[in-house]
Each structure stands twice: as C-alpha cells, then as structure tokens.
Amino acid sequence: MKLLQGRAEMRAMPSRHHFALFRLFAYLRLRSIRITGEPDRVLSINRDQSAPELFGIGFWIVLTVACYVTSWMRGLALPWALLIALPLSFGATQVVTLFTGLFVNAMRVVLRAPGQNNIRINSFVVMLLLVAAAANFATHRTWVRFAAWQFLAAFALNAVAAVIVYFLGGEIARLESSLGGETSASSSLPSR
C-alpha cells in the first residue's frame, strides 16, 4: 500500500477507486479541483479504499440477487417476497463468494501456485456468475428481467469506462503526480 502526504482534495484520485466507472468520474472531478494549501493529511492509495463505492456496489448486487430470488416465490405478494429474499440474497452472495474462494484456492494448490492473492480471480469468477445469472433472467417474461437488464447495462457501461480509463492511463498518472505530495511504499511517511 502506498501512503501519500497530501490535501483533502486528493480524495478524488482515480487510483483510490476500484471500478472503472468510478475511476472515470474521479478523473473528471480531479481535473476541476483547485489545489489549495500545504499537505495536511495522510491518504492511502489503494484501489479498495473508496468505501461508499464498494458498499454501494455490494448492496446493489445484493438487491439484484434479491430480485432473482423473489422470481422463484410466486405464491407470495411482492413486498413479502422481497422481505424474505433480502436476507437470503445476503447469505447467497456470501456463500457463493466463500465457495468460489475455496475453489480458487484448491486450484492454486493443484497447480502448485500457492501463496498468491486470490482477490482478482475470485472477483472475476463471482462477476462471471452474476453476468450469467443476469443473462438468464433477462430472457424471462416477468418483471425480474428489468433487474437483469439494468445489471447488464451497468456492466456494459463499466466495460466502456474501462476502455476509456485504459487509454487515459498516462493522463491520469500525470494528473495524479502533479498534485504533489510524497509517496511511500512502506507504512511510514517521510518527515515534513
């Protein structure tokens, strides 16, 4: 993890965001920020540091899975089905993530590549499962197809943003480095 001695405005750095769409918005916001004053705080530069983004995406995924679960509860009224499906979807997403992680770990042991971080592979497999579920539910003739299509649309929008962020990579790095501050690869900051 990198630590940066900087200013409050530096919270908008694109490298602090996980998803490409949020990185693109952060880049656009960063271009309009006016830097004022001396460095006054320490910020970690890690792509998993934007809590509102990660919790928002996580809750959105749980709500989408809850919509899928309610499609199987045909005998209940929609509000009651959603009330039952919400805790089930929290559990289902955790179980899928857990078993995906266990499977990826087992494959790493079989392939003799232990000791590596599985977050990227685990995230890829879970997202692949979510896209497959959305593609399946998008073909249904019930209301749940709208939840599936909004997931697929957001996924496609993030893919477009990823391409844009990829081509803006040099510009983003230049803009972030022009903000000043000192980066450190360790957990201790250089003295002022």
Protein backbone atom coordinates (compact mmCIF):
# COMPACT_ATOMS: atom_id res chain seq x y z
CA MET A 1 0.00 0.00 0.00
CA LYS A 2 1.22 3.48 -0.78
CA LEU A 3 0.70 6.37 1.57
CA LEU A 4 0.51 9.90 0.28
CA GLN A 5 1.03 13.07 2.25
CA GLY A 6 -1.46 15.39 0.66
CA ARG A 7 -4.57 17.51 0.86
CA ALA A 8 -8.26 16.81 1.32
CA GLU A 9 -8.81 17.39 -2.40
CA MET A 10 -6.73 14.31 -3.15
CA ARG A 11 -9.56 12.02 -2.07
CA ALA A 12 -10.71 12.33 -5.68
CA MET A 13 -7.66 10.47 -7.03
CA PRO A 14 -8.74 7.82 -9.56
CA SER A 15 -6.25 5.31 -8.18
CA ARG A 16 -8.32 5.17 -4.98
CA HIS A 17 -11.29 3.61 -6.81
CA HIS A 18 -11.93 0.01 -7.78
CA PHE A 19 -14.38 0.12 -10.67
CA ALA A 20 -13.59 1.85 -13.95
CA LEU A 21 -16.76 3.94 -13.96
CA PHE A 22 -15.85 5.45 -10.60
CA ARG A 23 -12.26 5.95 -11.76
CA LEU A 24 -13.52 7.87 -14.77
CA PHE A 25 -15.77 10.08 -12.61
CA ALA A 26 -12.86 10.66 -10.21
CA TYR A 27 -10.63 11.67 -13.12
CA LEU A 28 -13.21 14.17 -14.37
CA ARG A 29 -13.63 15.56 -10.86
CA LEU A 30 -9.88 15.74 -10.33
CA ARG A 31 -9.48 17.87 -13.46
CA SER A 32 -11.73 20.54 -11.97
CA ILE A 33 -10.26 20.63 -8.45
CA ARG A 34 -8.20 23.61 -7.34
CA ILE A 35 -5.36 22.62 -5.04
CA THR A 36 -5.04 24.88 -2.02
CA GLY A 37 -2.67 25.00 0.91
CA GLU A 38 0.05 22.73 2.21
CA PRO A 39 -0.24 18.98 2.65
CA ASP A 40 -2.30 18.42 5.77
CA ARG A 41 -3.28 14.74 5.86
CA VAL A 42 -2.22 11.22 5.01
CA LEU A 43 -4.16 9.23 2.43
CA SER A 44 -3.68 5.62 1.48
CA ILE A 45 -3.50 4.95 -2.23
CA ASN A 46 -5.21 1.62 -2.68
CA ARG A 47 -7.93 0.81 -5.16
CA ASP A 48 -10.11 -0.67 -2.42
CA GLN A 49 -10.19 2.44 -0.23
CA SER A 50 -13.40 4.01 -1.51
CA ALA A 51 -15.90 2.61 0.99
CA PRO A 52 -19.02 4.31 -0.46
CA GLU A 53 -18.24 2.82 -3.86
CA LEU A 54 -17.63 -0.71 -2.58
CA PHE A 55 -20.57 -0.76 -0.16
CA GLY A 56 -22.84 0.77 -2.80
CA ILE A 57 -21.90 -1.81 -5.43
CA GLY A 58 -22.18 -4.61 -2.87
CA PHE A 59 -25.66 -3.52 -1.78
CA TRP A 60 -26.74 -3.10 -5.42
CA ILE A 61 -25.60 -6.67 -6.16
CA VAL A 62 -27.47 -8.00 -3.12
CA LEU A 63 -30.65 -6.17 -4.23
CA THR A 64 -30.27 -7.59 -7.74
CA VAL A 65 -29.85 -11.11 -6.37
CA ALA A 66 -32.89 -10.49 -4.12
CA CYS A 67 -34.90 -9.71 -7.25
CA TYR A 68 -33.77 -13.01 -8.76
CA VAL A 69 -34.74 -14.89 -5.59
CA THR A 70 -38.20 -13.28 -5.49
CA SER A 71 -38.87 -14.55 -9.00
CA TRP A 72 -38.96 -18.07 -7.52
CA MET A 73 -41.51 -17.09 -4.83
CA ARG A 74 -44.59 -17.00 -6.99
CA GLY A 75 -47.15 -17.59 -4.20
CA LEU A 76 -46.21 -14.51 -2.17
CA ALA A 77 -47.02 -10.88 -2.71
CA LEU A 78 -44.03 -8.91 -3.99
CA PRO A 79 -43.32 -6.90 -0.78
CA TRP A 80 -43.32 -10.08 1.33
CA ALA A 81 -41.22 -11.94 -1.21
CA LEU A 82 -38.64 -9.11 -1.21
CA LEU A 83 -38.64 -9.06 2.59
CA ILE A 84 -37.82 -12.77 2.65
CA ALA A 85 -35.44 -12.64 -0.32
CA LEU A 86 -33.22 -9.85 1.00
CA PRO A 87 -31.65 -11.85 3.87
CA LEU A 88 -31.47 -14.91 1.62
CA SER A 89 -29.58 -12.92 -1.01
CA PHE A 90 -27.11 -11.62 1.60
CA GLY A 91 -26.41 -15.22 2.57
CA ALA A 92 -26.33 -16.44 -1.02
CA THR A 93 -23.76 -13.87 -2.11
CA GLN A 94 -21.56 -14.71 0.88
CA VAL A 95 -21.80 -18.46 0.24
CA VAL A 96 -21.01 -18.05 -3.46
CA THR A 97 -18.01 -15.84 -2.63
CA LEU A 98 -16.80 -18.32 0.00
CA PHE A 99 -17.06 -21.38 -2.23
CA THR A 100 -15.53 -19.55 -5.17
CA GLY A 101 -12.58 -18.60 -2.97
CA LEU A 102 -12.22 -22.19 -1.72
CA PHE A 103 -12.35 -23.50 -5.29
CA VAL A 104 -9.76 -20.98 -6.50
CA ASN A 105 -7.51 -21.85 -3.54
CA ALA A 106 -7.85 -25.56 -4.31
CA MET A 107 -6.96 -24.96 -7.95
CA ARG A 108 -3.88 -22.96 -6.92
CA VAL A 109 -2.74 -25.87 -4.73
CA VAL A 110 -3.30 -28.35 -7.56
CA LEU A 111 -1.43 -26.10 -10.00
CA ARG A 112 1.34 -25.58 -7.39
CA ALA A 113 0.90 -21.81 -7.22
CA PRO A 114 0.04 -21.26 -3.53
CA GLY A 115 0.58 -18.13 -1.52
CA GLN A 116 -0.81 -15.70 -4.04
CA ASN A 117 -3.66 -13.25 -3.60
CA ASN A 118 -6.93 -14.67 -4.94
CA ILE A 119 -8.98 -11.47 -4.87
CA ARG A 120 -8.75 -10.78 -8.61
CA ILE A 121 -9.57 -14.33 -9.67
CA ASN A 122 -12.33 -14.63 -7.07
CA SER A 123 -13.85 -11.31 -8.17
CA PHE A 124 -13.69 -12.37 -11.82
CA VAL A 125 -15.46 -15.69 -11.16
CA VAL A 126 -18.17 -14.09 -8.98
CA MET A 127 -18.77 -11.36 -11.59
CA LEU A 128 -18.92 -14.01 -14.31
CA LEU A 129 -21.58 -15.85 -12.29
CA LEU A 130 -23.55 -12.61 -11.83
CA VAL A 131 -23.41 -11.86 -15.56
CA ALA A 132 -24.53 -15.42 -16.36
CA ALA A 133 -27.45 -15.10 -13.91
CA ALA A 134 -28.39 -11.71 -15.38
CA ALA A 135 -28.26 -13.11 -18.91
CA ASN A 136 -30.55 -15.94 -17.83
CA PHE A 137 -33.07 -13.72 -16.03
CA ALA A 138 -33.05 -11.17 -18.86
CA THR A 139 -34.82 -13.75 -21.02
CA HIS A 140 -37.71 -14.23 -18.55
CA ARG A 141 -41.10 -12.72 -19.29
CA THR A 142 -41.60 -11.46 -15.72
CA TRP A 143 -40.64 -8.19 -14.01
CA VAL A 144 -37.28 -9.66 -12.95
CA ARG A 145 -35.96 -9.10 -16.47
CA PHE A 146 -35.74 -5.37 -15.69
CA ALA A 147 -33.38 -6.07 -12.78
CA ALA A 148 -31.30 -8.31 -15.02
CA TRP A 149 -31.16 -5.76 -17.84
CA GLN A 150 -30.12 -2.94 -15.50
CA PHE A 151 -27.29 -5.16 -14.23
CA LEU A 152 -26.17 -5.97 -17.77
CA ALA A 153 -26.39 -2.29 -18.77
CA ALA A 154 -24.28 -1.21 -15.78
CA PHE A 155 -21.78 -3.97 -16.56
CA ALA A 156 -21.51 -2.81 -20.17
CA LEU A 157 -21.20 0.84 -19.08
CA ASN A 158 -18.35 -0.10 -16.75
CA ALA A 159 -16.67 -2.01 -19.60
CA VAL A 160 -16.83 1.09 -21.81
CA ALA A 161 -15.43 3.17 -18.93
CA ALA A 162 -12.61 0.62 -18.54
CA VAL A 163 -11.59 1.13 -22.16
CA ILE A 164 -11.66 4.91 -21.73
CA VAL A 165 -9.66 4.73 -18.47
CA TYR A 166 -7.16 2.43 -20.17
CA PHE A 167 -6.50 4.99 -22.89
CA LEU A 168 -6.40 7.82 -20.34
CA GLY A 169 -3.92 5.93 -18.16
CA GLY A 170 -0.96 8.20 -18.90
CA GLU A 171 -3.02 11.35 -18.46
CA ILE A 172 -4.44 10.09 -15.16
CA ALA A 173 -0.97 9.22 -13.86
CA ARG A 174 0.37 12.61 -14.91
CA LEU A 175 -2.52 14.44 -13.26
CA GLU A 176 -2.16 12.46 -10.03
CA SER A 177 1.59 13.04 -9.87
CA SER A 178 1.12 16.77 -10.50
CA LEU A 179 -0.86 17.06 -7.28
CA GLY A 180 2.32 16.93 -5.27
CA GLY A 181 2.77 15.02 -2.08
CA GLU A 182 5.26 12.31 -1.42
CA THR A 183 4.54 8.63 -1.95
CA SER A 184 5.96 5.93 0.19
CA ALA A 185 5.89 2.20 -0.42
CA SER A 186 6.02 1.44 3.28
CA SER A 187 3.64 2.27 6.06
CA SER A 188 5.76 5.12 7.41
CA LEU A 189 5.71 8.58 5.94
CA PRO A 190 8.77 10.73 5.39
CA SER A 191 9.04 13.59 7.83
CA ARG A 192 7.95 17.07 6.70
